[in-house]
Amino acid sequence: MELRQLRSLVALVEADYSVSRAAAQLHLVQPAVSQHLRQLEDELGARLLVRHGRRILGLTVVGEQVLG
């Protein structure tokens, strides 16, 4: 788990689950933020985000724990 991955998660929540806005807030491109989130989920072996298709709707229980 890396600090940049956690920063991407925090920025995503602050941006109302908009990866584009989170990327702008972090001065990154959208694919980098998506990659950070995917890597964090892979490392923890759990889904952190509730998704509907490609849209992120919120955090899972595990995601809320990681955010805390």
PDB file of N, CA and C in Angstrom:
ATOM      1  N   MET A   1       0.850  -1.164   0.000  1.00  0.00           N
ATOM      2  CA  MET A   1       0.000   0.000   0.000  1.00  0.00           C
ATOM      3  C   MET A   1       0.901   1.233   0.000  1.00  0.00           C
ATOM      4  N   GLU A   2       0.621   2.123  -0.919  1.00  0.00           N
ATOM      5  CA  GLU A   2       1.432   3.330  -1.053  1.00  0.00           C
ATOM      6  C   GLU A   2       0.596   4.562  -0.747  1.00  0.00           C
ATOM      7  N   LEU A   3       1.272   5.602  -0.302  1.00  0.00           N
ATOM      8  CA  LEU A   3       0.599   6.837   0.043  1.00  0.00           C
ATOM      9  C   LEU A   3      -0.167   7.406  -1.154  1.00  0.00           C
ATOM     10  N   ARG A   4       0.393   7.318  -2.335  1.00  0.00           N
ATOM     11  CA  ARG A   4      -0.290   7.868  -3.519  1.00  0.00           C
ATOM     12  C   ARG A   4      -1.599   7.141  -3.791  1.00  0.00           C
ATOM     13  N   GLN A   5      -1.658   5.858  -3.491  1.00  0.00           N
ATOM     14  CA  GLN A   5      -2.902   5.109  -3.675  1.00  0.00           C
ATOM     15  C   GLN A   5      -3.957   5.596  -2.684  1.00  0.00           C
ATOM     16  N   LEU A   6      -3.548   5.821  -1.447  1.00  0.00           N
ATOM     17  CA  LEU A   6      -4.483   6.323  -0.444  1.00  0.00           C
ATOM     18  C   LEU A   6      -4.923   7.747  -0.762  1.00  0.00           C
ATOM     19  N   ARG A   7      -4.004   8.551  -1.262  1.00  0.00           N
ATOM     20  CA  ARG A   7      -4.363   9.921  -1.666  1.00  0.00           C
ATOM     21  C   ARG A   7      -5.394   9.896  -2.787  1.00  0.00           C
ATOM     22  N   SER A   8      -5.247   8.959  -3.707  1.00  0.00           N
ATOM     23  CA  SER A   8      -6.220   8.838  -4.803  1.00  0.00           C
ATOM     24  C   SER A   8      -7.592   8.451  -4.266  1.00  0.00           C
ATOM     25  N   LEU A   9      -7.630   7.576  -3.277  1.00  0.00           N
ATOM     26  CA  LEU A   9      -8.899   7.172  -2.679  1.00  0.00           C
ATOM     27  C   LEU A   9      -9.557   8.361  -1.974  1.00  0.00           C
ATOM     28  N   VAL A  10      -8.791   9.102  -1.210  1.00  0.00           N
ATOM     29  CA  VAL A  10      -9.324  10.271  -0.501  1.00  0.00           C
ATOM     30  C   VAL A  10      -9.827  11.308  -1.504  1.00  0.00           C
ATOM     31  N   ALA A  11      -9.040  11.576  -2.535  1.00  0.00           N
ATOM     32  CA  ALA A  11      -9.440  12.554  -3.543  1.00  0.00           C
ATOM     33  C   ALA A  11     -10.716  12.104  -4.261  1.00  0.00           C
ATOM     34  N   LEU A  12     -10.847  10.819  -4.506  1.00  0.00           N
ATOM     35  CA  LEU A  12     -12.042  10.298  -5.166  1.00  0.00           C
ATOM     36  C   LEU A  12     -13.282  10.570  -4.316  1.00  0.00           C
ATOM     37  N   VAL A  13     -13.192  10.322  -3.035  1.00  0.00           N
ATOM     38  CA  VAL A  13     -14.328  10.569  -2.136  1.00  0.00           C
ATOM     39  C   VAL A  13     -14.634  12.062  -2.084  1.00  0.00           C
ATOM     40  N   GLU A  14     -13.603  12.885  -1.971  1.00  0.00           N
ATOM     41  CA  GLU A  14     -13.795  14.341  -1.927  1.00  0.00           C
ATOM     42  C   GLU A  14     -14.394  14.878  -3.217  1.00  0.00           C
ATOM     43  N   ALA A  15     -14.141  14.187  -4.335  1.00  0.00           N
ATOM     44  CA  ALA A  15     -14.645  14.610  -5.647  1.00  0.00           C
ATOM     45  C   ALA A  15     -15.978  13.940  -5.976  1.00  0.00           C
ATOM     46  N   ASP A  16     -16.680  13.457  -4.950  1.00  0.00           N
ATOM     47  CA  ASP A  16     -17.987  12.804  -5.150  1.00  0.00           C
ATOM     48  C   ASP A  16     -17.902  11.651  -6.131  1.00  0.00           C
ATOM     49  N   TYR A  17     -16.849  10.874  -6.026  1.00  0.00           N
ATOM     50  CA  TYR A  17     -16.630   9.653  -6.799  1.00  0.00           C
ATOM     51  C   TYR A  17     -16.434   9.903  -8.291  1.00  0.00           C
ATOM     52  N   SER A  18     -15.959  11.089  -8.630  1.00  0.00           N
ATOM     53  CA  SER A  18     -15.605  11.409 -10.008  1.00  0.00           C
ATOM     54  C   SER A  18     -14.093  11.246 -10.172  1.00  0.00           C
ATOM     55  N   VAL A  19     -13.699  10.254 -10.951  1.00  0.00           N
ATOM     56  CA  VAL A  19     -12.272   9.999 -11.154  1.00  0.00           C
ATOM     57  C   VAL A  19     -11.626  11.184 -11.871  1.00  0.00           C
ATOM     58  N   SER A  20     -12.338  11.787 -12.800  1.00  0.00           N
ATOM     59  CA  SER A  20     -11.790  12.933 -13.532  1.00  0.00           C
ATOM     60  C   SER A  20     -11.510  14.099 -12.596  1.00  0.00           C
ATOM     61  N   ARG A  21     -12.450  14.400 -11.704  1.00  0.00           N
ATOM     62  CA  ARG A  21     -12.243  15.506 -10.760  1.00  0.00           C
ATOM     63  C   ARG A  21     -11.156  15.169  -9.741  1.00  0.00           C
ATOM     64  N   ALA A  22     -11.091  13.908  -9.319  1.00  0.00           N
ATOM     65  CA  ALA A  22     -10.029  13.494  -8.396  1.00  0.00           C
ATOM     66  C   ALA A  22      -8.669  13.661  -9.066  1.00  0.00           C
ATOM     67  N   ALA A  23      -8.575  13.276 -10.328  1.00  0.00           N
ATOM     68  CA  ALA A  23      -7.316  13.409 -11.060  1.00  0.00           C
ATOM     69  C   ALA A  23      -6.914  14.876 -11.167  1.00  0.00           C
ATOM     70  N   ALA A  24      -7.867  15.735 -11.466  1.00  0.00           N
ATOM     71  CA  ALA A  24      -7.562  17.163 -11.571  1.00  0.00           C
ATOM     72  C   ALA A  24      -7.085  17.705 -10.226  1.00  0.00           C
ATOM     73  N   GLN A  25      -7.720  17.279  -9.145  1.00  0.00           N
ATOM     74  CA  GLN A  25      -7.343  17.722  -7.805  1.00  0.00           C
ATOM     75  C   GLN A  25      -5.916  17.302  -7.466  1.00  0.00           C
ATOM     76  N   LEU A  26      -5.524  16.114  -7.938  1.00  0.00           N
ATOM     77  CA  LEU A  26      -4.186  15.583  -7.650  1.00  0.00           C
ATOM     78  C   LEU A  26      -3.148  15.977  -8.697  1.00  0.00           C
ATOM     79  N   HIS A  27      -3.578  16.685  -9.724  1.00  0.00           N
ATOM     80  CA  HIS A  27      -2.704  17.064 -10.839  1.00  0.00           C
ATOM     81  C   HIS A  27      -2.145  15.826 -11.541  1.00  0.00           C
ATOM     82  N   LEU A  28      -3.034  14.855 -11.759  1.00  0.00           N
ATOM     83  CA  LEU A  28      -2.692  13.621 -12.453  1.00  0.00           C
ATOM     84  C   LEU A  28      -3.664  13.422 -13.598  1.00  0.00           C
ATOM     85  N   VAL A  29      -3.374  12.442 -14.433  1.00  0.00           N
ATOM     86  CA  VAL A  29      -4.325  12.071 -15.480  1.00  0.00           C
ATOM     87  C   VAL A  29      -5.253  10.995 -14.918  1.00  0.00           C
ATOM     88  N   GLN A  30      -6.436  10.912 -15.485  1.00  0.00           N
ATOM     89  CA  GLN A  30      -7.452   9.988 -14.993  1.00  0.00           C
ATOM     90  C   GLN A  30      -6.982   8.533 -14.957  1.00  0.00           C
ATOM     91  N   PRO A  31      -6.283   8.037 -15.998  1.00  0.00           N
ATOM     92  CA  PRO A  31      -5.828   6.642 -15.926  1.00  0.00           C
ATOM     93  C   PRO A  31      -4.888   6.361 -14.746  1.00  0.00           C
ATOM     94  N   ALA A  32      -4.121   7.348 -14.321  1.00  0.00           N
ATOM     95  CA  ALA A  32      -3.214   7.146 -13.181  1.00  0.00           C
ATOM     96  C   ALA A  32      -4.013   6.944 -11.896  1.00  0.00           C
ATOM     97  N   VAL A  33      -5.049   7.735 -11.698  1.00  0.00           N
ATOM     98  CA  VAL A  33      -5.889   7.589 -10.501  1.00  0.00           C
ATOM     99  C   VAL A  33      -6.600   6.245 -10.530  1.00  0.00           C
ATOM    100  N   SER A  34      -7.137   5.873 -11.676  1.00  0.00           N
ATOM    101  CA  SER A  34      -7.798   4.570 -11.807  1.00  0.00           C
ATOM    102  C   SER A  34      -6.829   3.437 -11.494  1.00  0.00           C
ATOM    103  N   GLN A  35      -5.610   3.564 -11.959  1.00  0.00           N
ATOM    104  CA  GLN A  35      -4.596   2.538 -11.704  1.00  0.00           C
ATOM    105  C   GLN A  35      -4.263   2.460 -10.209  1.00  0.00           C
ATOM    106  N   HIS A  36      -4.140   3.603  -9.553  1.00  0.00           N
ATOM    107  CA  HIS A  36      -3.857   3.618  -8.116  1.00  0.00           C
ATOM    108  C   HIS A  36      -4.955   2.889  -7.349  1.00  0.00           C
ATOM    109  N   LEU A  37      -6.201   3.167  -7.712  1.00  0.00           N
ATOM    110  CA  LEU A  37      -7.332   2.543  -7.025  1.00  0.00           C
ATOM    111  C   LEU A  37      -7.365   1.037  -7.273  1.00  0.00           C
ATOM    112  N   ARG A  38      -7.115   0.650  -8.501  1.00  0.00           N
ATOM    113  CA  ARG A  38      -7.094  -0.776  -8.861  1.00  0.00           C
ATOM    114  C   ARG A  38      -5.961  -1.498  -8.122  1.00  0.00           C
ATOM    115  N   GLN A  39      -4.790  -0.876  -8.064  1.00  0.00           N
ATOM    116  CA  GLN A  39      -3.650  -1.476  -7.359  1.00  0.00           C
ATOM    117  C   GLN A  39      -3.942  -1.629  -5.875  1.00  0.00           C
ATOM    118  N   LEU A  40      -4.578  -0.632  -5.285  1.00  0.00           N
ATOM    119  CA  LEU A  40      -4.915  -0.691  -3.866  1.00  0.00           C
ATOM    120  C   LEU A  40      -5.891  -1.845  -3.604  1.00  0.00           C
ATOM    121  N   GLU A  41      -6.892  -1.986  -4.448  1.00  0.00           N
ATOM    122  CA  GLU A  41      -7.833  -3.096  -4.303  1.00  0.00           C
ATOM    123  C   GLU A  41      -7.116  -4.435  -4.464  1.00  0.00           C
ATOM    124  N   ASP A  42      -6.232  -4.527  -5.436  1.00  0.00           N
ATOM    125  CA  ASP A  42      -5.493  -5.774  -5.664  1.00  0.00           C
ATOM    126  C   ASP A  42      -4.615  -6.125  -4.461  1.00  0.00           C
ATOM    127  N   GLU A  43      -3.916  -5.132  -3.927  1.00  0.00           N
ATOM    128  CA  GLU A  43      -3.027  -5.378  -2.796  1.00  0.00           C
ATOM    129  C   GLU A  43      -3.794  -5.811  -1.548  1.00  0.00           C
ATOM    130  N   LEU A  44      -4.960  -5.220  -1.343  1.00  0.00           N
ATOM    131  CA  LEU A  44      -5.750  -5.557  -0.162  1.00  0.00           C
ATOM    132  C   LEU A  44      -6.603  -6.804  -0.378  1.00  0.00           C
ATOM    133  N   GLY A  45      -6.774  -7.181  -1.634  1.00  0.00           N
ATOM    134  CA  GLY A  45      -7.569  -8.361  -1.946  1.00  0.00           C
ATOM    135  C   GLY A  45      -9.046  -8.176  -1.665  1.00  0.00           C
ATOM    136  N   ALA A  46      -9.509  -6.938  -1.766  1.00  0.00           N
ATOM    137  CA  ALA A  46     -10.919  -6.643  -1.495  1.00  0.00           C
ATOM    138  C   ALA A  46     -11.367  -5.477  -2.366  1.00  0.00           C
ATOM    139  N   ARG A  47     -12.655  -5.463  -2.680  1.00  0.00           N
ATOM    140  CA  ARG A  47     -13.216  -4.332  -3.415  1.00  0.00           C
ATOM    141  C   ARG A  47     -13.429  -3.184  -2.452  1.00  0.00           C
ATOM    142  N   LEU A  48     -12.986  -2.017  -2.844  1.00  0.00           N
ATOM    143  CA  LEU A  48     -13.141  -0.828  -2.018  1.00  0.00           C
ATOM    144  C   LEU A  48     -14.266   0.057  -2.516  1.00  0.00           C
ATOM    145  N   LEU A  49     -14.623  -0.116  -3.783  1.00  0.00           N
ATOM    146  CA  LEU A  49     -15.582   0.763  -4.429  1.00  0.00           C
ATOM    147  C   LEU A  49     -16.806   0.009  -4.908  1.00  0.00           C
ATOM    148  N   VAL A  50     -17.963   0.621  -4.731  1.00  0.00           N
ATOM    149  CA  VAL A  50     -19.204   0.083  -5.281  1.00  0.00           C
ATOM    150  C   VAL A  50     -19.310   0.637  -6.694  1.00  0.00           C
ATOM    151  N   ARG A  51     -19.390  -0.259  -7.661  1.00  0.00           N
ATOM    152  CA  ARG A  51     -19.443   0.149  -9.062  1.00  0.00           C
ATOM    153  C   ARG A  51     -20.728  -0.337  -9.713  1.00  0.00           C
ATOM    154  N   HIS A  52     -21.190   0.444 -10.669  1.00  0.00           N
ATOM    155  CA  HIS A  52     -22.298   0.040 -11.533  1.00  0.00           C
ATOM    156  C   HIS A  52     -21.800   0.285 -12.949  1.00  0.00           C
ATOM    157  N   GLY A  53     -21.370  -0.788 -13.596  1.00  0.00           N
ATOM    158  CA  GLY A  53     -20.711  -0.627 -14.894  1.00  0.00           C
ATOM    159  C   GLY A  53     -19.382   0.061 -14.665  1.00  0.00           C
ATOM    160  N   ARG A  54     -19.182   1.149 -15.358  1.00  0.00           N
ATOM    161  CA  ARG A  54     -17.927   1.902 -15.194  1.00  0.00           C
ATOM    162  C   ARG A  54     -18.063   3.029 -14.177  1.00  0.00           C
ATOM    163  N   ARG A  55     -19.250   3.221 -13.656  1.00  0.00           N
ATOM    164  CA  ARG A  55     -19.514   4.319 -12.723  1.00  0.00           C
ATOM    165  C   ARG A  55     -19.259   3.884 -11.274  1.00  0.00           C
ATOM    166  N   ILE A  56     -18.619   4.758 -10.518  1.00  0.00           N
ATOM    167  CA  ILE A  56     -18.362   4.490  -9.102  1.00  0.00           C
ATOM    168  C   ILE A  56     -19.459   5.178  -8.296  1.00  0.00           C
ATOM    169  N   LEU A  57     -20.132   4.382  -7.456  1.00  0.00           N
ATOM    170  CA  LEU A  57     -21.267   4.898  -6.701  1.00  0.00           C
ATOM    171  C   LEU A  57     -20.937   5.217  -5.249  1.00  0.00           C
ATOM    172  N   GLY A  58     -19.905   4.591  -4.716  1.00  0.00           N
ATOM    173  CA  GLY A  58     -19.566   4.813  -3.311  1.00  0.00           C
ATOM    174  C   GLY A  58     -18.512   3.845  -2.845  1.00  0.00           C
ATOM    175  N   LEU A  59     -18.383   3.752  -1.533  1.00  0.00           N
ATOM    176  CA  LEU A  59     -17.403   2.862  -0.922  1.00  0.00           C
ATOM    177  C   LEU A  59     -18.089   1.623  -0.361  1.00  0.00           C
ATOM    178  N   THR A  60     -17.388   0.516  -0.415  1.00  0.00           N
ATOM    179  CA  THR A  60     -17.841  -0.693   0.263  1.00  0.00           C
ATOM    180  C   THR A  60     -17.515  -0.527   1.749  1.00  0.00           C
ATOM    181  N   VAL A  61     -17.927  -1.478   2.549  1.00  0.00           N
ATOM    182  CA  VAL A  61     -17.598  -1.448   3.978  1.00  0.00           C
ATOM    183  C   VAL A  61     -16.080  -1.452   4.163  1.00  0.00           C
ATOM    184  N   VAL A  62     -15.392  -2.268   3.383  1.00  0.00           N
ATOM    185  CA  VAL A  62     -13.932  -2.320   3.456  1.00  0.00           C
ATOM    186  C   VAL A  62     -13.340  -0.979   3.020  1.00  0.00           C
ATOM    187  N   GLY A  63     -13.891  -0.387   1.984  1.00  0.00           N
ATOM    188  CA  GLY A  63     -13.434   0.919   1.532  1.00  0.00           C
ATOM    189  C   GLY A  63     -13.575   1.981   2.592  1.00  0.00           C
ATOM    190  N   GLU A  64     -14.679   1.948   3.328  1.00  0.00           N
ATOM    191  CA  GLU A  64     -14.881   2.898   4.414  1.00  0.00           C
ATOM    192  C   GLU A  64     -13.858   2.697   5.521  1.00  0.00           C
ATOM    193  N   GLN A  65     -13.519   1.432   5.797  1.00  0.00           N
ATOM    194  CA  GLN A  65     -12.527   1.139   6.830  1.00  0.00           C
ATOM    195  C   GLN A  65     -11.146   1.648   6.410  1.00  0.00           C
ATOM    196  N   VAL A  66     -10.791   1.444   5.152  1.00  0.00           N
ATOM    197  CA  VAL A  66      -9.497   1.909   4.650  1.00  0.00           C
ATOM    198  C   VAL A  66      -9.455   3.439   4.688  1.00  0.00           C
ATOM    199  N   LEU A  67     -10.527   4.070   4.294  1.00  0.00           N
ATOM    200  CA  LEU A  67     -10.587   5.526   4.300  1.00  0.00           C
ATOM    201  C   LEU A  67     -10.424   6.072   5.710  1.00  0.00           C
ATOM    202  N   GLY A  68     -11.003   5.377   6.676  1.00  0.00           N
ATOM    203  CA  GLY A  68     -10.909   5.804   8.085  1.00  0.00           C
ATOM    204  C   GLY A  68      -9.505   5.700   8.581  1.00  0.00           C
TER     205      GLY A  68
END
